[in-house]
C-alpha atoms as a PDB file:
ATOM      1  CA  MET A   1      12.069  -2.839  -4.995  1.00  0.00           C
ATOM      2  CA  ILE A   2      10.324  -1.197  -7.932  1.00  0.00           C
ATOM      3  CA  GLY A   3       8.030   1.768  -8.434  1.00  0.00           C
ATOM      4  CA  PHE A   4      10.344   4.699  -7.816  1.00  0.00           C
ATOM      5  CA  PRO A   5       9.060   7.836  -9.588  1.00  0.00           C
ATOM      6  CA  PHE A   6      12.374   8.273 -11.420  1.00  0.00           C
ATOM      7  CA  GLU A   7      12.473   4.612 -12.528  1.00  0.00           C
ATOM      8  CA  THR A   8      11.755   3.714 -16.136  1.00  0.00           C
ATOM      9  CA  GLU A   9       9.883   0.705 -17.468  1.00  0.00           C
ATOM     10  CA  SER A  10      13.236  -0.545 -18.750  1.00  0.00           C
ATOM     11  CA  ASP A  11      14.669  -0.320 -15.217  1.00  0.00           C
ATOM     12  CA  ILE A  12      11.843  -2.477 -13.876  1.00  0.00           C
ATOM     13  CA  ARG A  13      12.329  -5.050 -16.648  1.00  0.00           C
ATOM     14  CA  LYS A  14      16.058  -5.222 -15.842  1.00  0.00           C
ATOM     15  CA  THR A  15      15.301  -5.785 -12.157  1.00  0.00           C
ATOM     16  CA  LEU A  16      12.886  -8.613 -12.984  1.00  0.00           C
ATOM     17  CA  LYS A  17      15.340 -10.166 -15.465  1.00  0.00           C
ATOM     18  CA  LEU A  18      18.021 -10.175 -12.772  1.00  0.00           C
ATOM     19  CA  ILE A  19      15.665 -11.939 -10.361  1.00  0.00           C
ATOM     20  CA  TYR A  20      14.811 -14.585 -12.973  1.00  0.00           C
ATOM     21  CA  LEU A  21      18.501 -15.078 -13.804  1.00  0.00           C
ATOM     22  CA  MET A  22      19.424 -15.505 -10.144  1.00  0.00           C
ATOM     23  CA  LYS A  23      16.536 -17.927  -9.637  1.00  0.00           C
ATOM     24  CA  ARG A  24      17.676 -20.052 -12.604  1.00  0.00           C
ATOM     25  CA  GLN A  25      21.156 -20.199 -11.096  1.00  0.00           C
ATOM     26  CA  ASN A  26      19.894 -21.174  -7.658  1.00  0.00           C
ATOM     27  CA  LYS A  27      16.501 -22.887  -7.710  1.00  0.00           C
ATOM     28  CA  SER A  28      16.263 -22.926  -3.917  1.00  0.00           C
ATOM     29  CA  ALA A  29      16.700 -19.147  -3.664  1.00  0.00           C
ATOM     30  CA  MET A  30      13.622 -17.131  -2.778  1.00  0.00           C
ATOM     31  CA  PHE A  31      12.945 -13.637  -4.079  1.00  0.00           C
ATOM     32  CA  GLY A  32      10.165 -11.124  -3.753  1.00  0.00           C
ATOM     33  CA  VAL A  33       9.454  -7.839  -5.444  1.00  0.00           C
ATOM     34  CA  SER A  34       8.310  -4.949  -3.315  1.00  0.00           C
ATOM     35  CA  ILE A  35       6.567  -1.867  -4.656  1.00  0.00           C
ATOM     36  CA  LEU A  36       7.681   1.494  -3.332  1.00  0.00           C
ATOM     37  CA  ASN A  37       5.896   2.493  -0.160  1.00  0.00           C
ATOM     38  CA  SER A  38       7.668   5.745   0.453  1.00  0.00           C
ATOM     39  CA  TYR A  39       7.768   6.871   4.025  1.00  0.00           C
ATOM     40  CA  PRO A  40       8.992  10.425   4.625  1.00  0.00           C
ATOM     41  CA  SER A  41      12.311  10.617   2.813  1.00  0.00           C
ATOM     42  CA  ASN A  42      14.265  12.452   0.150  1.00  0.00           C
ATOM     43  CA  ILE A  43      11.967  11.216  -2.621  1.00  0.00           C
ATOM     44  CA  MET A  44       8.771  12.242  -0.804  1.00  0.00           C
ATOM     45  CA  LYS A  45       8.527  15.577  -2.650  1.00  0.00           C
ATOM     46  CA  GLU A  46       8.947  13.911  -6.035  1.00  0.00           C
ATOM     47  CA  CYS A  47       6.201  11.399  -5.195  1.00  0.00           C
ATOM     48  CA  ILE A  48       3.841  14.179  -4.101  1.00  0.00           C
ATOM     49  CA  ASP A  49       4.684  16.217  -7.219  1.00  0.00           C
ATOM     50  CA  LYS A  50       3.625  13.212  -9.308  1.00  0.00           C
ATOM     51  CA  GLY A  51       0.286  12.885  -7.494  1.00  0.00           C
ATOM     52  CA  PHE A  52       0.922  10.405  -4.690  1.00  0.00           C
ATOM     53  CA  VAL A  53      -1.272  10.972  -1.635  1.00  0.00           C
ATOM     54  CA  TYR A  54       0.308  10.167   1.708  1.00  0.00           C
ATOM     55  CA  PRO A  55      -1.687   9.170   4.796  1.00  0.00           C
ATOM     56  CA  GLN A  56      -2.749  12.192   6.819  1.00  0.00           C
ATOM     57  CA  LYS A  57      -2.590  10.438  10.200  1.00  0.00           C
ATOM     58  CA  THR A  58       0.044   8.286  11.877  1.00  0.00           C
ATOM     59  CA  GLU A  59      -2.284   5.275  11.822  1.00  0.00           C
ATOM     60  CA  GLY A  60      -2.341   5.421   8.032  1.00  0.00           C
ATOM     61  CA  TRP A  61       1.395   4.731   7.847  1.00  0.00           C
ATOM     62  CA  ALA A  62       0.971   1.516   9.822  1.00  0.00           C
ATOM     63  CA  SER A  63      -1.908   0.150   7.739  1.00  0.00           C
ATOM     64  CA  ASP A  64      -1.495  -2.602   5.193  1.00  0.00           C
ATOM     65  CA  TRP A  65      -1.253  -0.757   1.868  1.00  0.00           C
ATOM     66  CA  VAL A  66      -2.752  -3.535  -0.242  1.00  0.00           C
ATOM     67  CA  ASN A  67      -4.302  -1.161  -2.772  1.00  0.00           C
ATOM     68  CA  ILE A  68      -1.427   1.292  -2.997  1.00  0.00           C
ATOM     69  CA  LYS A  69      -1.756   3.701  -5.916  1.00  0.00           C
ATOM     70  CA  LEU A  70       1.322   5.013  -7.701  1.00  0.00           C
ATOM     71  CA  PRO A  71       0.086   7.658 -10.168  1.00  0.00           C
ATOM     72  CA  TRP A  72       3.138   7.197 -12.397  1.00  0.00           C
ATOM     73  CA  VAL A  73       2.329   3.480 -12.931  1.00  0.00           C
ATOM     74  CA  SER A  74      -0.814   2.611 -14.916  1.00  0.00           C
ATOM     75  CA  ALA A  75      -3.226  -0.151 -13.896  1.00  0.00           C
ATOM     76  CA  SER A  76      -1.526  -2.430 -16.460  1.00  0.00           C
ATOM     77  CA  GLY A  77       1.820  -1.850 -14.755  1.00  0.00           C
ATOM     78  CA  ARG A  78       3.165   0.430 -17.473  1.00  0.00           C
ATOM     79  CA  MET A  79       5.103   3.518 -16.444  1.00  0.00           C
ATOM     80  CA  THR A  80       3.092   6.623 -17.369  1.00  0.00           C
ATOM     81  CA  ASP A  81       6.134   8.869 -17.320  1.00  0.00           C
ATOM     82  CA  SER A  82       7.577   9.833 -20.703  1.00  0.00           C
ATOM     83  CA  ARG A  83      11.066   8.636 -19.670  1.00  0.00           C
ATOM     84  CA  ARG A  84      10.349   4.943 -20.497  1.00  0.00           C
END
């Protein structure tokens, strides 16, 4: 999983490198990368502080978040936080 507000671009690259390494070692293995979809939790406040907008109704939590927006990740996938 990637996209945590405290995660750096380097962290994401390391995660992806690990996936590629594991895939080279076992070609039949299957991997997927999930982007943070933070339900109420300990990191909720940090997400809100960085501009994330949570659904206002229960139905919104169950919807398919295809176009999820993480304000700390630019459209190009670059982390916008200065901690890169």
